[in-house]
Amino acid sequence: MTTDKPSITVLGLGAMGTALAGALLSAGHPVTVWNRTAAKADALVARGAARAASPAEAVAASPVVVACLLDYDSVRDVLGAGHLQGRTLVNLTNGTPGQAREFAEWAACQGADYLDGGIMAVPPMIGTPAAFVLYSGSRTAFDRARPALDVFGESVYLGEDVGRAALTDIALLTGMYGMIAGVLQSLALATSDGAPATDFAPLLTRWLQAMGGWAEAAAKQFDSHDYATGVVSNLGMQAASFDNLHRTADEQGVSSELLAPLGRLMQQRAADGHGHEDLTGIIDDLRKDYA
């Protein structure tokens, strides 16, 4: 079978790497795959992927190389040195902004045009409209690889600061884990009298969806640093009533440790004279020691 779609190499065939390679195959791209445990490539090879015997062979097979391995050190170890000249390297390995910038320098020394990325999806979402992937680094690399990258989900290019995708990725995951912490706490509390969690979950989902727009409103407040205009529920009132969350948890025999840090920050900021403002101002307190 012939195709005018570019050939892509995928290094790393964990759950996510397998999903990425599978989506490329479904979209008609020639795909070369490599994994340290070769048997993990069997299902993809059965679908038409080429199995490389070594990372060097895999890199040589395609102008665009997508890495999805454990960490940045793993990518460096797998790629070695001397094989990336003229290649576009797209690294979709989770890491920090500092790691991304350091790795970009290494990749440049190897002759690669480098793009760092963050996948905002779980493997079953890859190739669906629900997935999006963050990219930062070389604009040339992004434009060259985009026909393949768009297969994974919406491609969101954040600019040439190579650390920006990793920072945004971690910030989004931070929001996710904050939400998960709230869900875990609320499920523990709601079921403390023996009620089924499945009875409570639809109400929780409805409430969280109703509150979903708060992030954008908070962002506008933070960018303007005006936390006192149009306040609907001020910090002082919220800080005072927050104690009821702890008291109810204590009455029900449930730990409130997931909530405690936020309560302390709210009470301290209110005590510092910001009780008339919105909750958003807490961001200033989170950042003040690092500004």
Protein backbone atom coordinates (compact mmCIF):
# COMPACT_ATOMS: atom_id res chain seq x y z
CA MET A 1 0.00 0.00 0.00
CA THR A 2 1.29 3.45 -0.92
CA THR A 3 0.44 6.65 0.93
CA ASP A 4 1.44 10.29 0.75
CA LYS A 5 1.29 10.59 4.53
CA PRO A 6 4.64 10.98 6.27
CA SER A 7 6.31 8.07 7.99
CA ILE A 8 6.43 8.33 11.79
CA THR A 9 8.54 6.47 14.33
CA VAL A 10 7.16 5.83 17.82
CA LEU A 11 9.60 4.97 20.61
CA GLY A 12 8.00 3.38 23.67
CA LEU A 13 4.98 1.10 23.62
CA GLY A 14 3.42 1.42 27.02
CA ALA A 15 -0.31 2.02 27.08
CA MET A 16 0.05 5.57 25.78
CA GLY A 17 2.74 4.87 23.19
CA THR A 18 0.67 1.97 21.84
CA ALA A 19 -2.36 4.24 21.59
CA LEU A 20 -0.34 6.88 19.71
CA ALA A 21 1.06 4.35 17.25
CA GLY A 22 -2.38 2.78 16.79
CA ALA A 23 -3.95 6.13 16.00
CA LEU A 24 -1.28 6.83 13.39
CA LEU A 25 -1.87 3.47 11.76
CA SER A 26 -5.62 4.06 11.70
CA ALA A 27 -5.01 7.39 10.00
CA GLY A 28 -2.93 5.74 7.27
CA HIS A 29 0.57 6.79 8.31
CA PRO A 30 3.48 4.38 7.79
CA VAL A 31 4.64 3.66 11.33
CA THR A 32 7.86 2.21 12.68
CA VAL A 33 7.86 1.17 16.32
CA TRP A 34 10.48 0.23 18.87
CA ASN A 35 10.18 -0.95 22.44
CA ARG A 36 12.70 -2.45 24.80
CA THR A 37 10.39 -5.45 25.22
CA ALA A 38 9.92 -6.33 21.56
CA ALA A 39 6.78 -8.42 22.10
CA LYS A 40 4.83 -5.28 22.98
CA ALA A 41 4.97 -4.38 19.29
CA ASP A 42 3.30 -7.61 18.12
CA ALA A 43 -0.26 -6.27 17.89
CA LEU A 44 0.86 -3.14 16.07
CA VAL A 45 3.02 -5.13 13.65
CA ALA A 46 -0.03 -7.29 12.92
CA ARG A 47 -1.81 -4.08 11.93
CA GLY A 48 0.97 -3.04 9.56
CA ALA A 49 3.62 -1.31 11.66
CA ALA A 50 7.29 -1.99 11.02
CA ARG A 51 9.25 -3.32 13.98
CA ALA A 52 12.71 -1.80 14.43
CA ALA A 53 15.41 -3.94 15.98
CA SER A 54 17.09 -0.98 17.67
CA PRO A 55 16.41 2.68 18.48
CA ALA A 56 18.94 3.70 15.81
CA GLU A 57 17.06 1.67 13.19
CA ALA A 58 13.77 3.19 14.35
CA VAL A 59 15.10 6.75 14.11
CA ALA A 60 16.57 6.11 10.67
CA ALA A 61 13.18 4.93 9.39
CA SER A 62 11.29 8.23 9.70
CA PRO A 63 11.85 11.98 9.52
CA VAL A 64 9.60 12.49 12.57
CA VAL A 65 10.30 10.59 15.79
CA VAL A 66 7.77 10.55 18.62
CA ALA A 67 9.10 9.50 22.03
CA CYS A 68 6.75 8.35 24.79
CA LEU A 69 8.91 6.82 27.50
CA LEU A 70 9.12 6.89 31.29
CA ASP A 71 11.08 10.13 31.71
CA TYR A 72 13.56 12.43 30.00
CA ASP A 73 16.54 10.38 31.11
CA SER A 74 14.97 7.31 29.50
CA VAL A 75 14.56 9.16 26.21
CA ARG A 76 18.19 10.30 26.30
CA ASP A 77 19.39 6.78 27.14
CA VAL A 78 17.33 5.19 24.37
CA LEU A 79 18.35 7.68 21.71
CA GLY A 80 22.02 7.69 22.66
CA ALA A 81 24.06 10.03 20.50
CA GLY A 82 24.67 10.55 16.83
CA HIS A 83 21.36 9.28 15.40
CA LEU A 84 19.14 12.38 15.37
CA GLN A 85 20.79 14.59 12.76
CA GLY A 86 18.09 16.12 10.57
CA ARG A 87 15.24 14.51 12.50
CA THR A 88 12.21 16.17 14.06
CA LEU A 89 11.98 14.88 17.62
CA VAL A 90 8.65 15.15 19.43
CA ASN A 91 9.00 14.23 23.09
CA LEU A 92 5.67 13.38 24.74
CA THR A 93 7.23 12.23 28.00
CA ASN A 94 5.91 13.85 31.18
CA GLY A 95 8.39 16.09 32.98
CA THR A 96 9.12 19.55 34.34
CA PRO A 97 9.78 22.80 32.43
CA GLY A 98 13.41 22.72 33.55
CA GLN A 99 13.83 19.17 32.26
CA ALA A 100 12.27 20.17 28.95
CA ARG A 101 14.69 23.07 28.50
CA GLU A 102 17.71 20.97 29.42
CA PHE A 103 16.62 18.19 27.08
CA ALA A 104 16.07 20.66 24.24
CA GLU A 105 19.71 21.75 24.52
CA TRP A 106 20.81 18.12 24.34
CA ALA A 107 18.57 17.45 21.32
CA ALA A 108 19.97 20.51 19.53
CA CYS A 109 23.49 19.17 20.08
CA GLN A 110 22.39 15.95 18.38
CA GLY A 111 21.12 17.89 15.35
CA ALA A 112 17.42 17.42 16.03
CA ASP A 113 14.64 19.96 15.59
CA TYR A 114 12.90 19.60 18.96
CA LEU A 115 9.32 19.85 20.12
CA ASP A 116 8.23 19.14 23.69
CA GLY A 117 4.70 18.01 24.46
CA GLY A 118 2.15 17.17 27.12
CA ILE A 119 -0.69 14.74 26.47
CA MET A 120 -3.97 15.80 28.04
CA ALA A 121 -5.73 12.48 27.65
CA VAL A 122 -5.71 8.90 28.82
CA PRO A 123 -4.92 6.21 26.22
CA PRO A 124 -8.55 5.41 25.24
CA MET A 125 -9.08 9.11 24.42
CA ILE A 126 -6.26 9.26 21.85
CA GLY A 127 -7.63 9.88 18.37
CA THR A 128 -10.94 11.23 19.65
CA PRO A 129 -12.21 14.83 19.87
CA ALA A 130 -11.86 14.63 23.67
CA ALA A 131 -8.05 14.54 23.51
CA PHE A 132 -5.73 17.50 23.19
CA VAL A 133 -1.94 17.66 23.24
CA LEU A 134 0.18 20.64 24.24
CA TYR A 135 3.33 21.50 22.28
CA SER A 136 6.11 24.05 22.70
CA GLY A 137 9.49 24.55 21.13
CA SER A 138 10.50 24.80 17.49
CA ARG A 139 7.72 26.24 15.34
CA THR A 140 9.31 24.61 12.31
CA ALA A 141 9.17 21.23 14.03
CA PHE A 142 5.53 21.75 14.97
CA ASP A 143 4.52 22.71 11.44
CA ARG A 144 6.45 19.80 9.95
CA ALA A 145 5.01 17.20 12.30
CA ARG A 146 1.49 18.59 12.62
CA PRO A 147 -0.17 16.36 9.99
CA ALA A 148 0.72 13.41 12.22
CA LEU A 149 0.27 15.17 15.56
CA ASP A 150 -3.31 16.15 14.72
CA VAL A 151 -4.14 12.45 14.61
CA PHE A 152 -3.68 12.21 18.40
CA GLY A 153 -6.18 14.95 19.24
CA GLU A 154 -6.34 18.72 19.01
CA SER A 155 -2.83 20.13 18.69
CA VAL A 156 -2.32 23.18 20.92
CA TYR A 157 0.90 25.05 20.14
CA LEU A 158 2.01 27.27 23.05
CA GLY A 159 5.01 28.99 21.53
CA GLU A 160 8.77 28.64 21.22
CA ASP A 161 9.55 28.62 24.95
CA VAL A 162 10.22 24.90 25.09
CA GLY A 163 9.25 24.61 28.77
CA ARG A 164 5.78 26.05 28.31
CA ALA A 165 4.05 22.78 27.40
CA ALA A 166 5.45 21.00 30.46
CA LEU A 167 4.45 23.88 32.73
CA THR A 168 0.92 23.97 31.32
CA ASP A 169 0.68 20.18 31.52
CA ILE A 170 1.63 20.16 35.21
CA ALA A 171 -0.68 23.11 35.94
CA LEU A 172 -3.60 21.27 34.34
CA LEU A 173 -2.76 18.08 36.23
CA THR A 174 -2.61 20.13 39.43
CA GLY A 175 -6.16 21.31 38.81
CA MET A 176 -7.23 17.75 38.07
CA TYR A 177 -5.75 16.37 41.28
CA GLY A 178 -7.32 19.20 43.25
CA MET A 179 -10.68 18.23 41.81
CA ILE A 180 -10.03 14.56 42.54
CA ALA A 181 -9.12 15.41 46.13
CA GLY A 182 -12.43 17.22 46.51
CA VAL A 183 -14.35 14.32 44.98
CA LEU A 184 -12.64 11.80 47.27
CA GLN A 185 -13.35 13.95 50.33
CA SER A 186 -16.99 14.50 49.37
CA LEU A 187 -17.61 10.80 48.66
CA ALA A 188 -16.09 9.86 52.00
CA LEU A 189 -18.34 12.36 53.75
CA ALA A 190 -21.55 11.65 51.83
CA THR A 191 -21.32 7.91 52.46
CA SER A 192 -20.41 8.22 56.15
CA ASP A 193 -24.03 7.50 57.17
CA GLY A 194 -24.23 4.41 54.97
CA ALA A 195 -25.76 6.02 51.87
CA PRO A 196 -24.60 4.57 48.52
CA ALA A 197 -21.99 6.63 46.70
CA THR A 198 -23.90 6.08 43.45
CA ASP A 199 -26.88 7.99 44.88
CA PHE A 200 -24.67 10.97 45.68
CA ALA A 201 -22.46 11.03 42.58
CA PRO A 202 -25.03 12.54 40.15
CA LEU A 203 -25.59 15.48 42.50
CA LEU A 204 -21.84 15.97 42.86
CA THR A 205 -21.37 15.90 39.08
CA ARG A 206 -24.15 18.44 38.61
CA TRP A 207 -22.65 20.76 41.23
CA LEU A 208 -19.11 20.54 39.88
CA GLN A 209 -20.35 21.26 36.37
CA ALA A 210 -22.22 24.31 37.65
CA MET A 211 -18.99 25.54 39.27
CA GLY A 212 -16.89 24.79 36.17
CA GLY A 213 -16.92 28.37 34.91
CA TRP A 214 -15.23 29.65 38.05
CA ALA A 215 -11.75 29.03 36.67
CA GLU A 216 -12.15 31.54 33.86
CA ALA A 217 -13.67 34.14 36.18
CA ALA A 218 -10.80 33.62 38.64
CA ALA A 219 -8.26 34.00 35.83
CA LYS A 220 -9.71 37.39 34.87
CA GLN A 221 -9.59 38.52 38.50
CA PHE A 222 -5.98 37.41 38.87
CA ASP A 223 -4.81 39.06 35.65
CA SER A 224 -6.40 42.34 36.77
CA HIS A 225 -5.39 41.88 40.43
CA ASP A 226 -8.83 43.21 41.31
CA TYR A 227 -10.34 40.81 43.82
CA ALA A 228 -12.88 43.22 45.29
CA THR A 229 -15.14 44.08 42.34
CA GLY A 230 -18.32 42.10 41.74
CA VAL A 231 -17.73 39.77 44.69
CA VAL A 232 -20.67 37.40 45.16
CA SER A 233 -19.33 35.37 48.09
CA ASN A 234 -16.53 37.11 49.97
CA LEU A 235 -13.53 35.42 51.51
CA GLY A 236 -14.40 36.38 55.08
CA MET A 237 -17.76 34.65 54.89
CA GLN A 238 -16.28 31.59 53.21
CA ALA A 239 -13.42 31.34 55.72
CA ALA A 240 -15.87 31.45 58.62
CA SER A 241 -18.21 28.85 57.15
CA PHE A 242 -15.33 26.60 56.07
CA ASP A 243 -15.07 25.41 59.68
CA ASN A 244 -18.38 23.63 59.18
CA LEU A 245 -16.70 21.34 56.67
CA HIS A 246 -14.22 20.29 59.32
CA ARG A 247 -16.83 19.99 62.05
CA THR A 248 -19.13 17.87 59.92
CA ALA A 249 -16.25 15.60 58.96
CA ASP A 250 -15.34 15.20 62.65
CA GLU A 251 -18.95 14.42 63.57
CA GLN A 252 -19.11 11.79 60.84
CA GLY A 253 -15.77 10.21 61.69
CA VAL A 254 -14.13 11.32 58.43
CA SER A 255 -10.68 12.86 58.12
CA SER A 256 -10.69 16.38 56.65
CA GLU A 257 -6.95 16.41 55.92
CA LEU A 258 -7.49 16.96 52.19
CA LEU A 259 -9.28 20.24 52.93
CA ALA A 260 -7.17 21.55 55.82
CA PRO A 261 -4.50 23.44 53.79
CA LEU A 262 -7.09 25.47 51.87
CA GLY A 263 -8.94 26.34 55.07
CA ARG A 264 -5.75 27.63 56.69
CA LEU A 265 -4.93 29.80 53.68
CA MET A 266 -8.46 31.25 53.62
CA GLN A 267 -8.42 32.10 57.31
CA GLN A 268 -4.96 33.68 57.15
CA ARG A 269 -5.81 35.85 54.17
CA ALA A 270 -9.05 36.98 55.78
CA ALA A 271 -7.13 37.80 58.99
CA ASP A 272 -4.70 39.84 56.88
CA GLY A 273 -7.52 42.19 55.88
CA HIS A 274 -8.76 40.65 52.64
CA GLY A 275 -12.07 39.32 53.93
CA HIS A 276 -14.05 41.63 51.62
CA GLU A 277 -12.35 40.20 48.54
CA ASP A 278 -12.95 37.09 46.50
CA LEU A 279 -11.22 33.76 47.15
CA THR A 280 -9.03 34.23 44.07
CA GLY A 281 -6.58 36.45 45.95
CA ILE A 282 -5.15 33.35 47.62
CA ILE A 283 -3.10 32.94 44.44
CA ASP A 284 -1.03 35.93 45.54
CA ASP A 285 -0.25 34.17 48.83
CA LEU A 286 0.74 30.98 47.00
CA ARG A 287 3.13 32.94 44.78
CA LYS A 288 4.49 35.65 47.07
CA ASP A 289 7.50 33.68 48.34
CA TYR A 290 8.60 32.93 44.79
CA ALA A 291 7.93 36.23 43.03
